[in-house]
N, C-alpha and C. Protein backbone atom coordinates (compact mmCIF):
# COMPACT_ATOMS: atom_id res chain seq x y z
N UNK A 1 -34.36 -44.43 -7.98
CA UNK A 1 -33.23 -43.62 -8.33
C UNK A 1 -33.65 -42.24 -8.79
N UNK A 2 -34.76 -42.11 -9.48
CA UNK A 2 -35.24 -40.83 -9.96
C UNK A 2 -35.69 -39.96 -8.79
N UNK A 3 -35.99 -40.59 -7.64
CA UNK A 3 -36.45 -39.84 -6.48
C UNK A 3 -35.32 -39.04 -5.82
N UNK A 4 -34.09 -39.47 -6.04
CA UNK A 4 -32.95 -38.82 -5.39
C UNK A 4 -32.73 -37.40 -5.89
N UNK A 5 -33.12 -37.06 -7.07
CA UNK A 5 -33.05 -35.71 -7.61
C UNK A 5 -31.62 -35.23 -7.82
N UNK A 6 -31.37 -33.93 -7.51
CA UNK A 6 -30.08 -33.31 -7.82
C UNK A 6 -28.92 -33.84 -6.98
N UNK A 7 -29.18 -34.56 -5.92
CA UNK A 7 -28.10 -35.08 -5.08
C UNK A 7 -27.22 -36.04 -5.88
N UNK A 8 -27.76 -36.68 -6.88
CA UNK A 8 -26.99 -37.61 -7.69
C UNK A 8 -26.22 -36.91 -8.80
N UNK A 9 -26.40 -35.61 -8.98
CA UNK A 9 -25.78 -34.89 -10.07
C UNK A 9 -24.28 -34.67 -9.85
N UNK A 10 -23.82 -34.78 -8.64
CA UNK A 10 -22.39 -34.58 -8.35
C UNK A 10 -21.97 -35.57 -7.26
N UNK A 11 -20.68 -35.89 -7.25
CA UNK A 11 -20.19 -36.84 -6.23
C UNK A 11 -20.31 -36.25 -4.82
N UNK A 12 -20.55 -37.09 -3.88
CA UNK A 12 -20.73 -36.64 -2.50
C UNK A 12 -19.43 -36.12 -1.90
N UNK A 13 -18.28 -36.45 -2.48
CA UNK A 13 -16.99 -36.00 -1.94
C UNK A 13 -16.81 -34.50 -2.07
N UNK A 14 -17.49 -33.90 -3.05
CA UNK A 14 -17.27 -32.47 -3.26
C UNK A 14 -18.39 -31.61 -2.66
N UNK A 15 -19.28 -32.24 -1.90
CA UNK A 15 -20.40 -31.50 -1.32
C UNK A 15 -19.91 -30.38 -0.39
N UNK A 16 -18.91 -30.65 0.43
CA UNK A 16 -18.39 -29.63 1.34
C UNK A 16 -17.78 -28.46 0.57
N UNK A 17 -17.05 -28.79 -0.51
CA UNK A 17 -16.48 -27.72 -1.34
C UNK A 17 -17.57 -26.87 -1.99
N UNK A 18 -18.62 -27.51 -2.45
CA UNK A 18 -19.72 -26.76 -3.06
C UNK A 18 -20.44 -25.88 -2.03
N UNK A 19 -20.59 -26.38 -0.82
CA UNK A 19 -21.22 -25.57 0.22
C UNK A 19 -20.35 -24.36 0.57
N UNK A 20 -19.03 -24.56 0.64
CA UNK A 20 -18.11 -23.45 0.90
C UNK A 20 -18.17 -22.43 -0.24
N UNK A 21 -18.23 -22.94 -1.47
CA UNK A 21 -18.32 -22.05 -2.63
C UNK A 21 -19.61 -21.25 -2.59
N UNK A 22 -20.70 -21.90 -2.23
CA UNK A 22 -21.99 -21.22 -2.16
C UNK A 22 -21.98 -20.12 -1.10
N UNK A 23 -21.41 -20.40 0.07
CA UNK A 23 -21.36 -19.37 1.12
C UNK A 23 -20.43 -18.23 0.72
N UNK A 24 -19.34 -18.53 0.05
CA UNK A 24 -18.44 -17.47 -0.44
C UNK A 24 -19.12 -16.63 -1.50
N UNK A 25 -19.87 -17.26 -2.36
CA UNK A 25 -20.60 -16.55 -3.40
C UNK A 25 -21.64 -15.61 -2.80
N UNK A 26 -22.32 -16.06 -1.78
CA UNK A 26 -23.31 -15.20 -1.09
C UNK A 26 -22.60 -14.02 -0.44
N UNK A 27 -21.44 -14.26 0.16
CA UNK A 27 -20.67 -13.18 0.79
C UNK A 27 -20.23 -12.15 -0.24
N UNK A 28 -19.74 -12.60 -1.38
CA UNK A 28 -19.33 -11.69 -2.45
C UNK A 28 -20.52 -10.90 -2.96
N UNK A 29 -21.64 -11.57 -3.12
CA UNK A 29 -22.85 -10.89 -3.59
C UNK A 29 -23.27 -9.79 -2.62
N UNK A 30 -23.20 -10.05 -1.32
CA UNK A 30 -23.55 -9.04 -0.32
C UNK A 30 -22.60 -7.85 -0.38
N UNK A 31 -21.31 -8.11 -0.56
CA UNK A 31 -20.33 -7.02 -0.65
C UNK A 31 -20.57 -6.17 -1.90
N UNK A 32 -20.85 -6.82 -3.01
CA UNK A 32 -21.10 -6.09 -4.25
C UNK A 32 -22.35 -5.24 -4.12
N UNK A 33 -23.40 -5.78 -3.51
CA UNK A 33 -24.62 -5.00 -3.31
C UNK A 33 -24.36 -3.79 -2.42
N UNK A 34 -23.53 -3.95 -1.40
CA UNK A 34 -23.18 -2.83 -0.53
C UNK A 34 -22.43 -1.76 -1.31
N UNK A 35 -21.46 -2.16 -2.13
CA UNK A 35 -20.70 -1.20 -2.93
C UNK A 35 -21.58 -0.48 -3.93
N UNK A 36 -22.49 -1.20 -4.54
CA UNK A 36 -23.36 -0.60 -5.56
C UNK A 36 -24.37 0.35 -4.91
N UNK A 37 -24.82 0.05 -3.71
CA UNK A 37 -25.84 0.87 -3.06
C UNK A 37 -25.31 2.22 -2.60
N UNK A 38 -24.00 2.32 -2.33
CA UNK A 38 -23.41 3.57 -1.86
C UNK A 38 -23.01 4.42 -3.06
N UNK A 39 -23.27 5.71 -2.97
CA UNK A 39 -22.93 6.62 -4.06
C UNK A 39 -21.41 6.69 -4.22
N UNK A 40 -20.92 6.29 -5.36
CA UNK A 40 -19.48 6.25 -5.62
C UNK A 40 -18.89 7.67 -5.66
N UNK A 41 -19.58 8.60 -6.28
CA UNK A 41 -19.05 9.96 -6.39
C UNK A 41 -18.97 10.61 -5.02
N UNK A 42 -19.90 10.30 -4.14
CA UNK A 42 -19.88 10.87 -2.79
C UNK A 42 -18.64 10.39 -2.03
N UNK A 43 -18.32 9.11 -2.16
CA UNK A 43 -17.14 8.56 -1.48
C UNK A 43 -15.85 9.07 -2.10
N UNK A 44 -15.82 9.23 -3.42
CA UNK A 44 -14.60 9.68 -4.08
C UNK A 44 -14.22 11.10 -3.70
N UNK A 45 -15.20 11.93 -3.39
CA UNK A 45 -14.90 13.31 -3.01
C UNK A 45 -14.14 13.38 -1.69
N UNK A 46 -14.30 12.38 -0.84
CA UNK A 46 -13.64 12.37 0.46
C UNK A 46 -12.19 11.88 0.37
N UNK A 47 -11.82 11.28 -0.73
CA UNK A 47 -10.49 10.65 -0.85
C UNK A 47 -9.51 11.56 -1.57
N UNK A 48 -8.23 11.40 -1.21
CA UNK A 48 -7.19 12.11 -1.96
C UNK A 48 -6.88 11.31 -3.22
N UNK A 49 -6.17 11.89 -4.18
CA UNK A 49 -5.95 11.21 -5.47
C UNK A 49 -5.30 9.82 -5.36
N UNK A 50 -4.38 9.66 -4.42
CA UNK A 50 -3.72 8.36 -4.28
C UNK A 50 -4.72 7.31 -3.78
N UNK A 51 -5.57 7.67 -2.84
CA UNK A 51 -6.58 6.73 -2.35
C UNK A 51 -7.63 6.44 -3.42
N UNK A 52 -7.94 7.42 -4.25
CA UNK A 52 -8.86 7.18 -5.37
C UNK A 52 -8.27 6.16 -6.33
N UNK A 53 -6.99 6.31 -6.61
CA UNK A 53 -6.33 5.36 -7.51
C UNK A 53 -6.34 3.95 -6.90
N UNK A 54 -6.09 3.86 -5.60
CA UNK A 54 -6.14 2.55 -4.94
C UNK A 54 -7.53 1.93 -5.04
N UNK A 55 -8.57 2.74 -4.81
CA UNK A 55 -9.94 2.24 -4.89
C UNK A 55 -10.29 1.79 -6.31
N UNK A 56 -9.91 2.58 -7.29
CA UNK A 56 -10.19 2.21 -8.69
C UNK A 56 -9.46 0.93 -9.08
N UNK A 57 -8.20 0.81 -8.68
CA UNK A 57 -7.44 -0.40 -9.01
C UNK A 57 -8.01 -1.62 -8.30
N UNK A 58 -8.41 -1.46 -7.06
CA UNK A 58 -8.99 -2.58 -6.32
C UNK A 58 -10.30 -3.01 -6.97
N UNK A 59 -11.10 -2.05 -7.37
CA UNK A 59 -12.38 -2.38 -8.02
C UNK A 59 -12.15 -3.10 -9.34
N UNK A 60 -11.23 -2.60 -10.14
CA UNK A 60 -10.94 -3.23 -11.44
C UNK A 60 -10.38 -4.63 -11.25
N UNK A 61 -9.50 -4.78 -10.26
CA UNK A 61 -8.90 -6.10 -10.01
C UNK A 61 -9.97 -7.09 -9.54
N UNK A 62 -10.85 -6.64 -8.65
CA UNK A 62 -11.91 -7.53 -8.14
C UNK A 62 -12.85 -7.95 -9.28
N UNK A 63 -13.24 -6.99 -10.10
CA UNK A 63 -14.15 -7.30 -11.21
C UNK A 63 -13.50 -8.28 -12.20
N UNK A 64 -12.26 -8.04 -12.54
CA UNK A 64 -11.57 -8.94 -13.47
C UNK A 64 -11.33 -10.31 -12.84
N UNK A 65 -11.10 -10.36 -11.54
CA UNK A 65 -10.92 -11.65 -10.86
C UNK A 65 -12.22 -12.45 -10.89
N UNK A 66 -13.35 -11.74 -10.71
CA UNK A 66 -14.63 -12.45 -10.79
C UNK A 66 -14.88 -12.96 -12.22
N UNK A 67 -14.47 -12.19 -13.21
CA UNK A 67 -14.62 -12.66 -14.59
C UNK A 67 -13.73 -13.87 -14.83
N UNK A 68 -12.53 -13.88 -14.24
CA UNK A 68 -11.62 -15.02 -14.31
C UNK A 68 -12.33 -16.26 -13.77
N UNK A 69 -12.98 -16.11 -12.59
CA UNK A 69 -13.69 -17.24 -11.98
C UNK A 69 -14.86 -17.68 -12.86
N UNK A 70 -15.55 -16.73 -13.48
CA UNK A 70 -16.65 -17.07 -14.37
C UNK A 70 -16.13 -17.92 -15.54
N UNK A 71 -15.00 -17.50 -16.11
CA UNK A 71 -14.44 -18.28 -17.22
C UNK A 71 -14.11 -19.70 -16.78
N UNK A 72 -13.58 -19.84 -15.57
CA UNK A 72 -13.26 -21.18 -15.07
C UNK A 72 -14.52 -22.01 -14.93
N UNK A 73 -15.60 -21.41 -14.44
CA UNK A 73 -16.85 -22.17 -14.28
C UNK A 73 -17.46 -22.56 -15.63
N UNK A 74 -17.11 -21.81 -16.68
CA UNK A 74 -17.62 -22.13 -18.02
C UNK A 74 -16.71 -23.10 -18.77
N UNK A 75 -15.62 -23.51 -18.14
CA UNK A 75 -14.71 -24.47 -18.76
C UNK A 75 -13.69 -23.83 -19.69
N UNK A 76 -13.54 -22.50 -19.65
CA UNK A 76 -12.57 -21.80 -20.48
C UNK A 76 -11.29 -21.63 -19.67
N UNK A 77 -10.16 -21.87 -20.30
CA UNK A 77 -8.88 -21.68 -19.63
C UNK A 77 -8.55 -20.18 -19.63
N UNK A 78 -8.62 -19.51 -18.46
CA UNK A 78 -8.39 -18.07 -18.43
C UNK A 78 -6.95 -17.67 -18.73
N UNK A 79 -6.02 -18.62 -18.64
CA UNK A 79 -4.62 -18.30 -18.96
C UNK A 79 -4.43 -18.03 -20.45
N UNK A 80 -5.33 -18.56 -21.25
CA UNK A 80 -5.27 -18.34 -22.69
C UNK A 80 -6.16 -17.18 -23.12
N UNK A 81 -6.85 -16.56 -22.18
CA UNK A 81 -7.79 -15.48 -22.46
C UNK A 81 -7.12 -14.13 -22.22
N UNK A 82 -7.68 -13.08 -22.79
CA UNK A 82 -7.12 -11.73 -22.63
C UNK A 82 -7.24 -11.21 -21.19
N UNK A 83 -8.04 -11.87 -20.37
CA UNK A 83 -8.21 -11.43 -18.99
C UNK A 83 -6.89 -11.54 -18.21
N UNK A 84 -6.04 -12.48 -18.60
CA UNK A 84 -4.75 -12.62 -17.91
C UNK A 84 -3.89 -11.39 -18.11
N UNK A 85 -3.83 -10.87 -19.33
CA UNK A 85 -3.05 -9.66 -19.60
C UNK A 85 -3.64 -8.46 -18.85
N UNK A 86 -4.96 -8.41 -18.77
CA UNK A 86 -5.61 -7.31 -18.06
C UNK A 86 -5.28 -7.35 -16.57
N UNK A 87 -5.31 -8.52 -15.98
CA UNK A 87 -4.96 -8.65 -14.57
C UNK A 87 -3.49 -8.30 -14.33
N UNK A 88 -2.62 -8.69 -15.25
CA UNK A 88 -1.20 -8.34 -15.13
C UNK A 88 -1.01 -6.83 -15.23
N UNK A 89 -1.76 -6.20 -16.12
CA UNK A 89 -1.66 -4.74 -16.28
C UNK A 89 -2.10 -4.03 -15.00
N UNK A 90 -3.19 -4.49 -14.43
CA UNK A 90 -3.69 -3.89 -13.19
C UNK A 90 -2.69 -4.11 -12.06
N UNK A 91 -2.11 -5.30 -12.00
CA UNK A 91 -1.10 -5.58 -10.96
C UNK A 91 0.11 -4.66 -11.10
N UNK A 92 0.49 -4.34 -12.33
CA UNK A 92 1.61 -3.42 -12.56
C UNK A 92 1.30 -2.05 -11.98
N UNK A 93 0.10 -1.57 -12.24
CA UNK A 93 -0.29 -0.27 -11.69
C UNK A 93 -0.41 -0.31 -10.17
N UNK A 94 -0.85 -1.43 -9.62
CA UNK A 94 -0.92 -1.56 -8.17
C UNK A 94 0.48 -1.47 -7.55
N UNK A 95 1.46 -2.06 -8.23
CA UNK A 95 2.85 -1.97 -7.74
C UNK A 95 3.36 -0.54 -7.81
N UNK A 96 2.99 0.19 -8.85
CA UNK A 96 3.41 1.59 -8.95
C UNK A 96 2.81 2.43 -7.83
N UNK A 97 1.54 2.21 -7.53
CA UNK A 97 0.89 2.93 -6.43
C UNK A 97 1.55 2.56 -5.11
N UNK A 98 1.92 1.30 -4.94
CA UNK A 98 2.60 0.87 -3.72
C UNK A 98 3.95 1.57 -3.58
N UNK A 99 4.68 1.72 -4.67
CA UNK A 99 5.97 2.43 -4.62
C UNK A 99 5.77 3.88 -4.22
N UNK A 100 4.75 4.52 -4.74
CA UNK A 100 4.47 5.91 -4.38
C UNK A 100 4.12 6.00 -2.90
N UNK A 101 3.32 5.07 -2.42
CA UNK A 101 2.94 5.06 -1.01
C UNK A 101 4.17 4.85 -0.12
N UNK A 102 5.06 3.95 -0.53
CA UNK A 102 6.27 3.71 0.24
C UNK A 102 7.17 4.94 0.27
N UNK A 103 7.24 5.68 -0.83
CA UNK A 103 8.05 6.90 -0.87
C UNK A 103 7.48 7.94 0.08
N UNK A 104 6.17 7.99 0.19
CA UNK A 104 5.54 8.95 1.11
C UNK A 104 5.87 8.62 2.56
N UNK A 105 5.97 7.32 2.86
CA UNK A 105 6.24 6.89 4.22
C UNK A 105 7.71 7.01 4.60
N UNK A 106 8.58 7.14 3.60
CA UNK A 106 10.01 7.18 3.86
C UNK A 106 10.37 8.42 4.67
N UNK A 107 11.42 8.29 5.48
CA UNK A 107 11.87 9.41 6.30
C UNK A 107 12.41 10.53 5.41
N UNK A 108 12.16 11.74 5.82
CA UNK A 108 12.63 12.90 5.06
C UNK A 108 13.75 13.57 5.84
N UNK A 109 14.70 14.14 5.13
CA UNK A 109 15.84 14.80 5.74
C UNK A 109 15.56 16.28 5.90
N UNK A 110 15.72 16.77 7.12
CA UNK A 110 15.61 18.19 7.39
C UNK A 110 17.01 18.76 7.22
N UNK A 111 17.26 19.42 6.10
CA UNK A 111 18.60 19.89 5.75
C UNK A 111 19.13 20.91 6.74
N UNK A 112 18.27 21.80 7.21
CA UNK A 112 18.72 22.82 8.16
C UNK A 112 19.18 22.18 9.47
N UNK A 113 18.38 21.23 9.97
CA UNK A 113 18.75 20.57 11.22
C UNK A 113 20.03 19.75 11.04
N UNK A 114 20.16 19.09 9.91
CA UNK A 114 21.35 18.29 9.66
C UNK A 114 22.59 19.17 9.59
N UNK A 115 22.49 20.33 8.95
CA UNK A 115 23.66 21.21 8.86
C UNK A 115 24.02 21.75 10.24
N UNK A 116 23.03 22.02 11.10
CA UNK A 116 23.34 22.46 12.46
C UNK A 116 24.05 21.37 13.24
N UNK A 117 23.59 20.14 13.11
CA UNK A 117 24.24 19.02 13.80
C UNK A 117 25.69 18.89 13.35
N UNK A 118 25.91 18.93 12.07
CA UNK A 118 27.26 18.77 11.54
C UNK A 118 28.14 19.93 11.98
N UNK A 119 27.62 21.15 11.88
CA UNK A 119 28.40 22.33 12.25
C UNK A 119 28.80 22.28 13.72
N UNK A 120 27.89 21.88 14.58
CA UNK A 120 28.18 21.85 16.01
C UNK A 120 29.01 20.64 16.41
N UNK A 121 28.99 19.59 15.63
CA UNK A 121 29.73 18.39 15.97
C UNK A 121 31.20 18.48 15.55
N UNK A 122 31.49 19.29 14.55
CA UNK A 122 32.86 19.38 14.06
C UNK A 122 33.65 20.38 14.89
N UNK A 123 34.90 20.07 15.17
CA UNK A 123 35.76 20.93 15.95
C UNK A 123 36.51 21.84 15.00
N UNK A 124 36.50 23.11 15.27
CA UNK A 124 37.20 24.08 14.45
C UNK A 124 38.18 24.82 15.34
N UNK A 125 39.46 24.84 14.97
CA UNK A 125 40.50 25.47 15.79
C UNK A 125 40.24 26.96 15.96
N UNK A 126 39.79 27.65 14.93
CA UNK A 126 39.50 29.08 15.03
C UNK A 126 38.37 29.35 16.00
N UNK A 127 37.33 28.52 15.94
CA UNK A 127 36.22 28.69 16.87
C UNK A 127 36.68 28.44 18.29
N UNK A 128 37.58 27.49 18.49
CA UNK A 128 38.08 27.16 19.83
C UNK A 128 38.87 28.34 20.38
N UNK A 129 39.71 28.98 19.56
CA UNK A 129 40.49 30.13 20.03
C UNK A 129 39.57 31.27 20.41
N UNK A 130 38.56 31.53 19.58
CA UNK A 130 37.63 32.61 19.87
C UNK A 130 36.87 32.33 21.17
N UNK A 131 36.48 31.09 21.37
CA UNK A 131 35.72 30.72 22.55
C UNK A 131 36.58 30.87 23.80
N UNK A 132 37.85 30.44 23.74
CA UNK A 132 38.74 30.53 24.88
C UNK A 132 39.02 31.99 25.24
N UNK A 133 39.20 32.83 24.25
CA UNK A 133 39.52 34.23 24.54
C UNK A 133 38.32 34.96 25.12
N UNK A 134 37.12 34.58 24.78
CA UNK A 134 35.95 35.25 25.36
C UNK A 134 35.68 34.75 26.76
N UNK A 135 36.01 33.51 27.06
CA UNK A 135 35.78 32.98 28.40
C UNK A 135 36.83 33.50 29.38
N UNK A 136 38.09 33.57 28.97
CA UNK A 136 39.19 34.00 29.83
C UNK A 136 39.95 35.13 29.14
N UNK A 137 39.51 36.36 29.31
CA UNK A 137 40.14 37.46 28.56
C UNK A 137 41.60 37.71 28.97
N UNK A 138 42.01 37.39 30.20
CA UNK A 138 43.40 37.65 30.64
C UNK A 138 44.29 36.44 30.47
N UNK A 139 43.80 35.41 29.91
CA UNK A 139 44.58 34.20 29.74
C UNK A 139 45.70 34.48 28.74
N UNK A 140 46.86 33.99 29.02
CA UNK A 140 48.00 34.17 28.15
C UNK A 140 48.79 35.44 28.48
N UNK A 141 48.28 36.30 29.30
CA UNK A 141 49.01 37.50 29.72
C UNK A 141 49.49 37.27 31.15
N UNK A 142 50.78 37.17 31.28
CA UNK A 142 51.35 36.92 32.59
C UNK A 142 51.69 38.24 33.27
N UNK A 143 51.35 38.29 34.50
CA UNK A 143 51.70 39.47 35.30
C UNK A 143 52.78 39.04 36.30
N UNK A 144 53.90 39.75 36.26
CA UNK A 144 54.97 39.40 37.17
C UNK A 144 54.97 40.32 38.37
N UNK A 145 55.08 39.70 39.47
CA UNK A 145 55.18 40.48 40.70
C UNK A 145 56.63 40.40 41.20
N UNK A 146 57.19 41.51 41.48
CA UNK A 146 58.55 41.46 41.96
C UNK A 146 58.65 41.93 43.36
């Protein structure tokens, strides 16, 4: 029995879950190393303020989510920890940034074009009389031949 080693430390039913967790952990580690290796200030200079805010919020949310997972692995209930309030706060700001982004995407009204459409679409009796008199200057004047 002592020869079996660490295989006996956990039930065989969860081996697939542990392997998935291990591969996910390696993937996260590779992503974090990539982010850390690239100069943050160099990338921030290329972004507009809204994209900078999105990047900062995403980074903060990812870091706090990893801390949430760490607490779970240590047997601490993260719902009773201050990390829950921090994640909620970050989510609130993410929603605000989303609202700003949606407002930017919304259609804008060209007031000059709209007023031209309305002006040309409405019928005005005075304009009609002026138009008729310029098209047919002798209209309404009868000439009698005897």
